[in-house]
Amino acid sequence: MAPRIVCVVGPTACGKTTLGVLLAKRYGGEVVSADSMQIYRGMTIGTAAPTAEEMDGVPHHMIAVADPAEQWSAARYAQVAIPIVDDILKRGKLPILVGGTGLWLDAVVQGREFAPGQAGGAVRRELEAQLAAEGMEPLLQELRRVDPESAARLHPADTKRILRALEVYRETGETISAHNAATRQLPPRYDAVWIGLQFADRADMKALIDRRVDKMAEAGLLDEVRSLLAMGLPRNATAMQAIGYKEFLGVLDGTLTEQEALELVKLRSRQYAKRQLTWLRKNPAIHWIYWEKERDFARALQISTEILTASGLG
């Protein structure tokens, strides 16, 4: 039997952090963040990382564990998070994964081995040099020859995934398609109970996101961006491409006013929430809890408790 864990998921600003803490307190659990930006140090405001007050004494893992200059993938996240989840289980506690980065959550729950190869490795550098010198066409031709399945599936403009597919083949002699097909046959590493939060009316979600962005600005998001730059973080670092940081860089560059940046952050946050929901809705195992105008956490905890009891966790 795969060990039991809980996943609390949903789009940005839907209250995952609060529900995760409430469930951890009720079930003697610990929270493992599955947010692709909360892993970075010095990025508390713009990523809405939980404060000590919000954690309310519950141990939280995978928050502020990476240097903002680093680039993390789902594979790297899973590599670090899985031993933490296993340790929580070994100590007789309940791991509660909380986040909206669907790919990262799936990577941990499935526990699958990722194909070898890494961004920044020798083979990747070789491929990037070839791309710069010869353009995409010779690389596409190579992919069609060695991995026709990936070539047919990937858009010719999807440079990142095309390079990744070629990297895996050049490093291992096995196609990424064959690797993924083999790993899909493996049973999941964990037996996850999925609880999802979303608003019944999308307009309410949009209003909440807008309020949250205003609060981030009031809390000093612009100063947070300034301090990251002062630490020597390059402007093109992955962390600086996060929603909120990219736009406020524009304020410091003089290309945007603060108000324009604020409106852009709101728009992009709403678009991101929509993409998160699209990804999560593909998972039929999620038990959805729908908020009305306001988020009612007492009700959400009650419904979650019923779901977990029915799943044999109680």
C-alpha atoms as a PDB file:
ATOM      1  CA  MET A   1       0.000   0.000   0.000  1.00  0.00           C
ATOM      2  CA  ALA A   2       1.289   3.449  -0.945  1.00  0.00           C
ATOM      3  CA  PRO A   3       1.565   5.825   2.060  1.00  0.00           C
ATOM      4  CA  ARG A   4      -1.232   8.322   2.574  1.00  0.00           C
ATOM      5  CA  ILE A   5      -0.718  12.068   2.043  1.00  0.00           C
ATOM      6  CA  VAL A   6      -3.036  15.062   1.545  1.00  0.00           C
ATOM      7  CA  CYS A   7      -2.776  17.641  -1.261  1.00  0.00           C
ATOM      8  CA  VAL A   8      -4.477  21.035  -0.881  1.00  0.00           C
ATOM      9  CA  VAL A   9      -4.615  22.686  -4.292  1.00  0.00           C
ATOM     10  CA  GLY A  10      -6.248  25.548  -6.161  1.00  0.00           C
ATOM     11  CA  PRO A  11      -5.499  28.793  -7.963  1.00  0.00           C
ATOM     12  CA  THR A  12      -3.598  31.714  -6.478  1.00  0.00           C
ATOM     13  CA  ALA A  13      -5.249  33.559  -3.545  1.00  0.00           C
ATOM     14  CA  CYS A  14      -7.879  30.875  -2.890  1.00  0.00           C
ATOM     15  CA  GLY A  15      -6.840  30.176   0.716  1.00  0.00           C
ATOM     16  CA  LYS A  16      -4.690  27.037   0.395  1.00  0.00           C
ATOM     17  CA  THR A  17      -2.215  28.197   3.067  1.00  0.00           C
ATOM     18  CA  THR A  18      -4.931  28.709   5.698  1.00  0.00           C
ATOM     19  CA  LEU A  19      -6.701  25.411   5.006  1.00  0.00           C
ATOM     20  CA  GLY A  20      -3.367  23.555   4.989  1.00  0.00           C
ATOM     21  CA  VAL A  21      -2.551  24.901   8.461  1.00  0.00           C
ATOM     22  CA  LEU A  22      -6.031  24.081   9.806  1.00  0.00           C
ATOM     23  CA  LEU A  23      -5.770  20.495   8.521  1.00  0.00           C
ATOM     24  CA  ALA A  24      -2.232  20.109   9.891  1.00  0.00           C
ATOM     25  CA  LYS A  25      -3.450  21.205  13.337  1.00  0.00           C
ATOM     26  CA  ARG A  26      -6.405  18.847  13.239  1.00  0.00           C
ATOM     27  CA  TYR A  27      -4.488  15.801  11.968  1.00  0.00           C
ATOM     28  CA  GLY A  28      -1.033  16.305  13.470  1.00  0.00           C
ATOM     29  CA  GLY A  29       0.444  17.124  10.099  1.00  0.00           C
ATOM     30  CA  GLU A  30       3.251  19.136   8.569  1.00  0.00           C
ATOM     31  CA  VAL A  31       2.999  21.311   5.466  1.00  0.00           C
ATOM     32  CA  VAL A  32       5.182  20.876   2.390  1.00  0.00           C
ATOM     33  CA  SER A  33       4.881  23.854   0.045  1.00  0.00           C
ATOM     34  CA  ALA A  34       4.482  23.048  -3.657  1.00  0.00           C
ATOM     35  CA  ASP A  35       4.849  26.557  -5.021  1.00  0.00           C
ATOM     36  CA  SER A  36       7.474  27.177  -7.692  1.00  0.00           C
ATOM     37  CA  MET A  37       8.257  30.684  -6.404  1.00  0.00           C
ATOM     38  CA  GLN A  38       7.968  30.280  -2.622  1.00  0.00           C
ATOM     39  CA  ILE A  39      11.119  28.124  -2.752  1.00  0.00           C
ATOM     40  CA  TYR A  40      13.203  31.302  -3.244  1.00  0.00           C
ATOM     41  CA  ARG A  41      14.733  33.265  -0.370  1.00  0.00           C
ATOM     42  CA  GLY A  42      14.035  36.992  -0.111  1.00  0.00           C
ATOM     43  CA  MET A  43      10.776  36.754  -2.072  1.00  0.00           C
ATOM     44  CA  THR A  44       8.215  36.691   0.717  1.00  0.00           C
ATOM     45  CA  ILE A  45       5.874  39.506  -0.339  1.00  0.00           C
ATOM     46  CA  GLY A  46       5.472  38.824  -4.056  1.00  0.00           C
ATOM     47  CA  THR A  47       5.028  35.058  -3.629  1.00  0.00           C
ATOM     48  CA  ALA A  48       2.613  35.428  -0.665  1.00  0.00           C
ATOM     49  CA  ALA A  49       4.794  33.010   1.321  1.00  0.00           C
ATOM     50  CA  PRO A  50       3.194  32.276   4.700  1.00  0.00           C
ATOM     51  CA  THR A  51       4.370  34.424   7.598  1.00  0.00           C
ATOM     52  CA  ALA A  52       5.246  32.920  11.004  1.00  0.00           C
ATOM     53  CA  GLU A  53       1.834  34.142  12.217  1.00  0.00           C
ATOM     54  CA  GLU A  54       0.035  32.364   9.333  1.00  0.00           C
ATOM     55  CA  MET A  55       2.016  29.145   9.935  1.00  0.00           C
ATOM     56  CA  ASP A  56       0.598  29.208  13.482  1.00  0.00           C
ATOM     57  CA  GLY A  57       3.234  26.846  14.889  1.00  0.00           C
ATOM     58  CA  VAL A  58       2.819  24.232  12.137  1.00  0.00           C
ATOM     59  CA  PRO A  59       6.143  23.102  10.592  1.00  0.00           C
ATOM     60  CA  HIS A  60       6.433  24.213   6.944  1.00  0.00           C
ATOM     61  CA  HIS A  61       8.930  22.785   4.467  1.00  0.00           C
ATOM     62  CA  MET A  62      10.212  23.856   1.006  1.00  0.00           C
ATOM     63  CA  ILE A  63       9.808  27.603   1.645  1.00  0.00           C
ATOM     64  CA  ALA A  64      12.830  29.908   1.143  1.00  0.00           C
ATOM     65  CA  VAL A  65      15.168  26.976   0.462  1.00  0.00           C
ATOM     66  CA  ALA A  66      16.732  28.199  -2.805  1.00  0.00           C
ATOM     67  CA  ASP A  67      18.889  31.081  -3.906  1.00  0.00           C
ATOM     68  CA  PRO A  68      16.884  33.313  -6.306  1.00  0.00           C
ATOM     69  CA  ALA A  69      19.689  32.951  -8.886  1.00  0.00           C
ATOM     70  CA  GLU A  70      19.009  29.193  -9.132  1.00  0.00           C
ATOM     71  CA  GLN A  71      16.677  27.609 -11.648  1.00  0.00           C
ATOM     72  CA  TRP A  72      14.485  24.813 -10.313  1.00  0.00           C
ATOM     73  CA  SER A  73      12.541  22.239 -12.330  1.00  0.00           C
ATOM     74  CA  ALA A  74       9.794  19.825 -11.266  1.00  0.00           C
ATOM     75  CA  ALA A  75      12.464  17.077 -11.229  1.00  0.00           C
ATOM     76  CA  ARG A  76      14.708  18.998  -8.847  1.00  0.00           C
ATOM     77  CA  TYR A  77      11.781  19.926  -6.609  1.00  0.00           C
ATOM     78  CA  ALA A  78      10.660  16.272  -6.390  1.00  0.00           C
ATOM     79  CA  GLN A  79      14.218  15.165  -5.631  1.00  0.00           C
ATOM     80  CA  VAL A  80      14.338  17.463  -2.582  1.00  0.00           C
ATOM     81  CA  ALA A  81      10.685  17.232  -1.466  1.00  0.00           C
ATOM     82  CA  ILE A  82      10.222  13.429  -1.561  1.00  0.00           C
ATOM     83  CA  PRO A  83      12.771  12.704   1.234  1.00  0.00           C
ATOM     84  CA  ILE A  84      11.031  15.395   3.345  1.00  0.00           C
ATOM     85  CA  VAL A  85       7.607  13.773   2.779  1.00  0.00           C
ATOM     86  CA  ASP A  86       9.088  10.344   3.636  1.00  0.00           C
ATOM     87  CA  ASP A  87      10.633  11.741   6.835  1.00  0.00           C
ATOM     88  CA  ILE A  88       7.290  13.265   7.924  1.00  0.00           C
ATOM     89  CA  LEU A  89       5.639   9.861   7.376  1.00  0.00           C
ATOM     90  CA  LYS A  90       8.423   8.057   9.260  1.00  0.00           C
ATOM     91  CA  ARG A  91       7.788  10.317  12.256  1.00  0.00           C
ATOM     92  CA  GLY A  92       4.118   9.303  12.232  1.00  0.00           C
ATOM     93  CA  LYS A  93       2.894  12.679  10.993  1.00  0.00           C
ATOM     94  CA  LEU A  94       0.647  13.466   8.020  1.00  0.00           C
ATOM     95  CA  PRO A  95       2.335  15.227   5.082  1.00  0.00           C
ATOM     96  CA  ILE A  96       0.109  17.967   3.639  1.00  0.00           C
ATOM     97  CA  LEU A  97       1.288  19.257   0.274  1.00  0.00           C
ATOM     98  CA  VAL A  98      -0.003  22.777  -0.315  1.00  0.00           C
ATOM     99  CA  GLY A  99       0.355  24.662  -3.578  1.00  0.00           C
ATOM    100  CA  GLY A 100      -0.819  25.583  -7.016  1.00  0.00           C
ATOM    101  CA  THR A 101       2.108  24.381  -9.158  1.00  0.00           C
ATOM    102  CA  GLY A 102       0.360  21.320 -10.615  1.00  0.00           C
ATOM    103  CA  LEU A 103       3.372  19.804 -12.355  1.00  0.00           C
ATOM    104  CA  TRP A 104       5.420  19.889  -9.137  1.00  0.00           C
ATOM    105  CA  LEU A 105       2.639  18.279  -7.102  1.00  0.00           C
ATOM    106  CA  ASP A 106       2.252  15.511  -9.680  1.00  0.00           C
ATOM    107  CA  ALA A 107       6.021  14.955  -9.690  1.00  0.00           C
ATOM    108  CA  VAL A 108       5.994  14.229  -5.941  1.00  0.00           C
ATOM    109  CA  VAL A 109       2.775  12.193  -5.803  1.00  0.00           C
ATOM    110  CA  GLN A 110       3.784   9.999  -8.734  1.00  0.00           C
ATOM    111  CA  GLY A 111       7.396   9.841  -7.507  1.00  0.00           C
ATOM    112  CA  ARG A 112       8.549   9.020 -11.006  1.00  0.00           C
ATOM    113  CA  GLU A 113      12.136   9.093 -12.122  1.00  0.00           C
ATOM    114  CA  PHE A 114      12.796  11.987 -14.473  1.00  0.00           C
ATOM    115  CA  ALA A 115      14.864  11.427 -17.576  1.00  0.00           C
ATOM    116  CA  PRO A 116      18.553  12.307 -17.045  1.00  0.00           C
ATOM    117  CA  GLY A 117      19.996  15.582 -18.258  1.00  0.00           C
ATOM    118  CA  GLN A 118      19.844  19.048 -16.782  1.00  0.00           C
ATOM    119  CA  ALA A 119      19.673  22.646 -17.876  1.00  0.00           C
ATOM    120  CA  GLY A 120      23.176  24.065 -17.810  1.00  0.00           C
ATOM    121  CA  GLY A 121      24.873  20.667 -18.312  1.00  0.00           C
ATOM    122  CA  ALA A 122      27.528  20.055 -21.011  1.00  0.00           C
ATOM    123  CA  VAL A 123      25.080  18.514 -23.514  1.00  0.00           C
ATOM    124  CA  ARG A 124      22.618  21.369 -23.023  1.00  0.00           C
ATOM    125  CA  ARG A 125      25.373  23.942 -23.610  1.00  0.00           C
ATOM    126  CA  GLU A 126      26.402  22.087 -26.769  1.00  0.00           C
ATOM    127  CA  LEU A 127      22.801  22.132 -28.041  1.00  0.00           C
ATOM    128  CA  GLU A 128      22.381  25.826 -27.213  1.00  0.00           C
ATOM    129  CA  ALA A 129      25.602  26.637 -29.095  1.00  0.00           C
ATOM    130  CA  GLN A 130      24.353  24.651 -32.107  1.00  0.00           C
ATOM    131  CA  LEU A 131      21.020  26.477 -31.960  1.00  0.00           C
ATOM    132  CA  ALA A 132      22.786  29.855 -31.900  1.00  0.00           C
ATOM    133  CA  ALA A 133      25.043  28.918 -34.821  1.00  0.00           C
ATOM    134  CA  GLU A 134      22.666  26.999 -37.089  1.00  0.00           C
ATOM    135  CA  GLY A 135      19.134  27.880 -36.013  1.00  0.00           C
ATOM    136  CA  MET A 136      16.328  25.481 -35.087  1.00  0.00           C
ATOM    137  CA  GLU A 137      15.871  23.534 -38.351  1.00  0.00           C
ATOM    138  CA  PRO A 138      18.883  21.135 -38.057  1.00  0.00           C
ATOM    139  CA  LEU A 139      17.860  20.350 -34.454  1.00  0.00           C
ATOM    140  CA  LEU A 140      14.274  19.691 -35.528  1.00  0.00           C
ATOM    141  CA  GLN A 141      15.532  17.366 -38.266  1.00  0.00           C
ATOM    142  CA  GLU A 142      17.606  15.453 -35.714  1.00  0.00           C
ATOM    143  CA  LEU A 143      14.591  15.149 -33.398  1.00  0.00           C
ATOM    144  CA  ARG A 144      12.390  13.873 -36.256  1.00  0.00           C
ATOM    145  CA  ARG A 145      15.017  11.224 -36.945  1.00  0.00           C
ATOM    146  CA  VAL A 146      15.739  10.034 -33.381  1.00  0.00           C
ATOM    147  CA  ASP A 147      12.395  10.696 -31.641  1.00  0.00           C
ATOM    148  CA  PRO A 148       9.589  11.122 -34.200  1.00  0.00           C
ATOM    149  CA  GLU A 149       6.964  10.905 -31.429  1.00  0.00           C
ATOM    150  CA  SER A 150       8.330  13.989 -29.624  1.00  0.00           C
ATOM    151  CA  ALA A 151       8.856  15.794 -32.947  1.00  0.00           C
ATOM    152  CA  ALA A 152       5.179  15.270 -33.815  1.00  0.00           C
ATOM    153  CA  ARG A 153       3.986  16.305 -30.344  1.00  0.00           C
ATOM    154  CA  LEU A 154       6.085  19.444 -29.842  1.00  0.00           C
ATOM    155  CA  HIS A 155       5.432  22.780 -31.491  1.00  0.00           C
ATOM    156  CA  PRO A 156       8.407  23.777 -33.715  1.00  0.00           C
ATOM    157  CA  ALA A 157       8.718  27.008 -31.669  1.00  0.00           C
ATOM    158  CA  ASP A 158       8.917  25.162 -28.323  1.00  0.00           C
ATOM    159  CA  THR A 159      12.696  25.553 -28.101  1.00  0.00           C
ATOM    160  CA  LYS A 160      12.955  24.540 -24.432  1.00  0.00           C
ATOM    161  CA  ARG A 161      11.256  21.146 -24.852  1.00  0.00           C
ATOM    162  CA  ILE A 162      12.934  20.380 -28.180  1.00  0.00           C
ATOM    163  CA  LEU A 163      16.363  20.927 -26.598  1.00  0.00           C
ATOM    164  CA  ARG A 164      15.301  18.821 -23.604  1.00  0.00           C
ATOM    165  CA  ALA A 165      14.209  15.907 -25.846  1.00  0.00           C
ATOM    166  CA  LEU A 166      17.491  15.981 -27.770  1.00  0.00           C
ATOM    167  CA  GLU A 167      19.487  16.311 -24.556  1.00  0.00           C
ATOM    168  CA  VAL A 168      17.893  13.152 -23.115  1.00  0.00           C
ATOM    169  CA  TYR A 169      18.552  11.202 -26.312  1.00  0.00           C
ATOM    170  CA  ARG A 170      22.167  12.358 -26.633  1.00  0.00           C
ATOM    171  CA  GLU A 171      22.899  11.616 -22.968  1.00  0.00           C
ATOM    172  CA  THR A 172      21.160   8.254 -22.645  1.00  0.00           C
ATOM    173  CA  GLY A 173      20.473   6.846 -26.117  1.00  0.00           C
ATOM    174  CA  GLU A 174      16.816   6.526 -25.013  1.00  0.00           C
ATOM    175  CA  THR A 175      14.080   8.891 -26.201  1.00  0.00           C
ATOM    176  CA  ILE A 176      12.191  10.997 -23.688  1.00  0.00           C
ATOM    177  CA  SER A 177       8.965   9.537 -25.181  1.00  0.00           C
ATOM    178  CA  ALA A 178      10.088   5.970 -24.316  1.00  0.00           C
ATOM    179  CA  HIS A 179      11.215   7.060 -20.845  1.00  0.00           C
ATOM    180  CA  ASN A 180       7.897   8.784 -20.107  1.00  0.00           C
ATOM    181  CA  ALA A 181       5.873   5.842 -21.429  1.00  0.00           C
ATOM    182  CA  ALA A 182       7.784   3.441 -19.145  1.00  0.00           C
ATOM    183  CA  THR A 183       7.404   5.635 -16.049  1.00  0.00           C
ATOM    184  CA  ARG A 184       3.650   6.050 -16.663  1.00  0.00           C
ATOM    185  CA  GLN A 185       3.276   2.306 -16.050  1.00  0.00           C
ATOM    186  CA  LEU A 186       4.639   2.619 -12.505  1.00  0.00           C
ATOM    187  CA  PRO A 187       2.182   2.956  -9.592  1.00  0.00           C
ATOM    188  CA  PRO A 188       2.119   6.336  -7.759  1.00  0.00           C
ATOM    189  CA  ARG A 189       4.565   6.702  -4.872  1.00  0.00           C
ATOM    190  CA  TYR A 190       1.861   8.103  -2.570  1.00  0.00           C
ATOM    191  CA  ASP A 191      -1.873   7.578  -2.131  1.00  0.00           C
ATOM    192  CA  ALA A 192      -2.993  11.217  -2.185  1.00  0.00           C
ATOM    193  CA  VAL A 193      -6.307  12.633  -1.044  1.00  0.00           C
ATOM    194  CA  TRP A 194      -6.806  15.784  -3.135  1.00  0.00           C
ATOM    195  CA  ILE A 195      -8.771  18.764  -1.819  1.00  0.00           C
ATOM    196  CA  GLY A 196      -9.280  21.715  -4.172  1.00  0.00           C
ATOM    197  CA  LEU A 197     -10.421  25.261  -3.427  1.00  0.00           C
ATOM    198  CA  GLN A 198     -12.008  27.586  -5.956  1.00  0.00           C
ATOM    199  CA  PHE A 199     -14.675  30.281  -6.168  1.00  0.00           C
ATOM    200  CA  ALA A 200     -18.143  29.428  -7.460  1.00  0.00           C
ATOM    201  CA  ASP A 201     -18.168  32.783  -9.294  1.00  0.00           C
ATOM    202  CA  ARG A 202     -15.004  33.767 -11.163  1.00  0.00           C
ATOM    203  CA  ALA A 203     -15.723  37.482 -10.529  1.00  0.00           C
ATOM    204  CA  ASP A 204     -15.218  36.873  -6.785  1.00  0.00           C
ATOM    205  CA  MET A 205     -11.852  35.232  -7.472  1.00  0.00           C
ATOM    206  CA  LYS A 206     -10.778  38.189  -9.609  1.00  0.00           C
ATOM    207  CA  ALA A 207     -11.792  40.673  -6.892  1.00  0.00           C
ATOM    208  CA  LEU A 208      -9.822  38.739  -4.250  1.00  0.00           C
ATOM    209  CA  ILE A 209      -6.716  38.553  -6.472  1.00  0.00           C
ATOM    210  CA  ASP A 210      -6.904  42.320  -7.063  1.00  0.00           C
ATOM    211  CA  ARG A 211      -7.150  42.981  -3.306  1.00  0.00           C
ATOM    212  CA  ARG A 212      -4.217  40.693  -2.643  1.00  0.00           C
ATOM    213  CA  VAL A 213      -2.029  42.485  -5.214  1.00  0.00           C
ATOM    214  CA  ASP A 214      -2.904  45.867  -3.648  1.00  0.00           C
ATOM    215  CA  LYS A 215      -1.814  44.454  -0.258  1.00  0.00           C
ATOM    216  CA  MET A 216       1.486  43.226  -1.737  1.00  0.00           C
ATOM    217  CA  ALA A 217       2.204  46.714  -3.053  1.00  0.00           C
ATOM    218  CA  GLU A 218       1.363  48.230   0.355  1.00  0.00           C
ATOM    219  CA  ALA A 219       3.599  45.650   2.090  1.00  0.00           C
ATOM    220  CA  GLY A 220       6.591  46.817   0.042  1.00  0.00           C
ATOM    221  CA  LEU A 221       6.855  44.686  -3.091  1.00  0.00           C
ATOM    222  CA  LEU A 222       8.842  47.414  -4.863  1.00  0.00           C
ATOM    223  CA  ASP A 223      11.401  47.468  -2.012  1.00  0.00           C
ATOM    224  CA  GLU A 224      11.619  43.660  -2.151  1.00  0.00           C
ATOM    225  CA  VAL A 225      12.496  43.856  -5.874  1.00  0.00           C
ATOM    226  CA  ARG A 226      15.055  46.575  -5.076  1.00  0.00           C
ATOM    227  CA  SER A 227      16.711  44.474  -2.383  1.00  0.00           C
ATOM    228  CA  LEU A 228      16.961  41.423  -4.705  1.00  0.00           C
ATOM    229  CA  LEU A 229      18.768  43.569  -7.270  1.00  0.00           C
ATOM    230  CA  ALA A 230      21.001  44.999  -4.533  1.00  0.00           C
ATOM    231  CA  MET A 231      21.954  41.404  -3.619  1.00  0.00           C
ATOM    232  CA  GLY A 232      23.292  41.068  -7.162  1.00  0.00           C
ATOM    233  CA  LEU A 233      20.434  39.002  -8.596  1.00  0.00           C
ATOM    234  CA  PRO A 234      20.535  39.259 -12.417  1.00  0.00           C
ATOM    235  CA  ARG A 235      17.463  40.819 -13.990  1.00  0.00           C
ATOM    236  CA  ASN A 236      17.022  37.788 -16.250  1.00  0.00           C
ATOM    237  CA  ALA A 237      17.041  35.259 -13.360  1.00  0.00           C
ATOM    238  CA  THR A 238      14.065  32.863 -13.407  1.00  0.00           C
ATOM    239  CA  ALA A 239      12.926  34.233 -10.040  1.00  0.00           C
ATOM    240  CA  MET A 240      12.746  37.751 -11.505  1.00  0.00           C
ATOM    241  CA  GLN A 241      10.369  36.499 -14.216  1.00  0.00           C
ATOM    242  CA  ALA A 242       7.766  35.734 -11.542  1.00  0.00           C
ATOM    243  CA  ILE A 243       4.523  37.696 -11.683  1.00  0.00           C
ATOM    244  CA  GLY A 244       4.943  40.843  -9.603  1.00  0.00           C
ATOM    245  CA  TYR A 245       8.718  40.983  -9.828  1.00  0.00           C
ATOM    246  CA  LYS A 246       8.946  41.373 -13.595  1.00  0.00           C
ATOM    247  CA  GLU A 247       6.401  44.200 -13.647  1.00  0.00           C
ATOM    248  CA  PHE A 248       7.964  46.092 -10.716  1.00  0.00           C
ATOM    249  CA  LEU A 249      11.359  45.829 -12.400  1.00  0.00           C
ATOM    250  CA  GLY A 250       9.676  47.962 -15.069  1.00  0.00           C
ATOM    251  CA  VAL A 251       8.944  50.612 -12.417  1.00  0.00           C
ATOM    252  CA  LEU A 252      12.626  50.709 -11.424  1.00  0.00           C
ATOM    253  CA  ASP A 253      13.635  50.870 -15.102  1.00  0.00           C
ATOM    254  CA  GLY A 254      11.224  53.757 -15.682  1.00  0.00           C
ATOM    255  CA  THR A 255       9.263  51.867 -18.374  1.00  0.00           C
ATOM    256  CA  LEU A 256       6.125  51.580 -16.182  1.00  0.00           C
ATOM    257  CA  THR A 257       4.484  53.743 -13.542  1.00  0.00           C
ATOM    258  CA  GLU A 258       3.637  52.066 -10.250  1.00  0.00           C
ATOM    259  CA  GLN A 259      -0.064  52.126 -11.137  1.00  0.00           C
ATOM    260  CA  GLU A 260       0.575  50.553 -14.563  1.00  0.00           C
ATOM    261  CA  ALA A 261       2.716  47.843 -12.948  1.00  0.00           C
ATOM    262  CA  LEU A 262      -0.015  47.175 -10.390  1.00  0.00           C
ATOM    263  CA  GLU A 263      -2.688  46.755 -13.078  1.00  0.00           C
ATOM    264  CA  LEU A 264      -0.394  44.436 -15.059  1.00  0.00           C
ATOM    265  CA  VAL A 265       0.286  42.282 -11.994  1.00  0.00           C
ATOM    266  CA  LYS A 266      -3.463  41.989 -11.378  1.00  0.00           C
ATOM    267  CA  LEU A 267      -4.136  41.022 -14.985  1.00  0.00           C
ATOM    268  CA  ARG A 268      -1.320  38.451 -15.126  1.00  0.00           C
ATOM    269  CA  SER A 269      -2.274  36.999 -11.732  1.00  0.00           C
ATOM    270  CA  ARG A 270      -5.847  36.487 -12.967  1.00  0.00           C
ATOM    271  CA  GLN A 271      -4.556  34.864 -16.157  1.00  0.00           C
ATOM    272  CA  TYR A 272      -2.271  32.623 -14.105  1.00  0.00           C
ATOM    273  CA  ALA A 273      -5.161  31.565 -11.836  1.00  0.00           C
ATOM    274  CA  LYS A 274      -7.115  30.572 -14.939  1.00  0.00           C
ATOM    275  CA  ARG A 275      -4.187  28.438 -16.191  1.00  0.00           C
ATOM    276  CA  GLN A 276      -3.843  26.800 -12.775  1.00  0.00           C
ATOM    277  CA  LEU A 277      -7.530  25.834 -12.810  1.00  0.00           C
ATOM    278  CA  THR A 278      -7.245  24.441 -16.341  1.00  0.00           C
ATOM    279  CA  TRP A 279      -4.380  22.191 -15.206  1.00  0.00           C
ATOM    280  CA  LEU A 280      -6.039  21.090 -11.952  1.00  0.00           C
ATOM    281  CA  ARG A 281      -9.404  20.332 -13.558  1.00  0.00           C
ATOM    282  CA  LYS A 282      -7.709  17.567 -15.530  1.00  0.00           C
ATOM    283  CA  ASN A 283      -7.310  15.680 -12.232  1.00  0.00           C
ATOM    284  CA  PRO A 284     -10.563  13.763 -11.553  1.00  0.00           C
ATOM    285  CA  ALA A 285      -9.404  12.806  -8.038  1.00  0.00           C
ATOM    286  CA  ILE A 286      -9.761  16.369  -6.675  1.00  0.00           C
ATOM    287  CA  HIS A 287     -12.632  16.955  -4.230  1.00  0.00           C
ATOM    288  CA  TRP A 288     -13.593  20.572  -4.941  1.00  0.00           C
ATOM    289  CA  ILE A 289     -14.828  22.977  -2.286  1.00  0.00           C
ATOM    290  CA  TYR A 290     -16.479  26.066  -3.804  1.00  0.00           C
ATOM    291  CA  TRP A 291     -16.317  29.420  -2.050  1.00  0.00           C
ATOM    292  CA  GLU A 292     -19.243  31.800  -2.261  1.00  0.00           C
ATOM    293  CA  LYS A 293     -18.619  35.573  -1.939  1.00  0.00           C
ATOM    294  CA  GLU A 294     -16.279  35.101   1.025  1.00  0.00           C
ATOM    295  CA  ARG A 295     -13.981  32.241   2.031  1.00  0.00           C
ATOM    296  CA  ASP A 296     -15.571  30.300   4.913  1.00  0.00           C
ATOM    297  CA  PHE A 297     -12.705  28.314   6.447  1.00  0.00           C
ATOM    298  CA  ALA A 298     -14.783  26.709   9.195  1.00  0.00           C
ATOM    299  CA  ARG A 299     -17.037  25.209   6.501  1.00  0.00           C
ATOM    300  CA  ALA A 300     -14.042  24.198   4.351  1.00  0.00           C
ATOM    301  CA  LEU A 301     -12.424  22.444   7.342  1.00  0.00           C
ATOM    302  CA  GLN A 302     -15.689  20.614   8.059  1.00  0.00           C
ATOM    303  CA  ILE A 303     -16.034  19.430   4.430  1.00  0.00           C
ATOM    304  CA  SER A 304     -12.329  18.489   4.267  1.00  0.00           C
ATOM    305  CA  THR A 305     -12.684  16.455   7.482  1.00  0.00           C
ATOM    306  CA  GLU A 306     -15.631  14.562   5.961  1.00  0.00           C
ATOM    307  CA  ILE A 307     -13.596  13.880   2.783  1.00  0.00           C
ATOM    308  CA  LEU A 308     -10.575  12.655   4.774  1.00  0.00           C
ATOM    309  CA  THR A 309     -12.748  10.493   7.073  1.00  0.00           C
ATOM    310  CA  ALA A 310     -14.401   8.899   4.025  1.00  0.00           C
ATOM    311  CA  SER A 311     -10.894   8.258   2.656  1.00  0.00           C
ATOM    312  CA  GLY A 312      -9.882   6.400   5.831  1.00  0.00           C
ATOM    313  CA  LEU A 313      -7.939   9.239   7.449  1.00  0.00           C
ATOM    314  CA  GLY A 314      -9.441  10.081  10.751  1.00  0.00           C
END
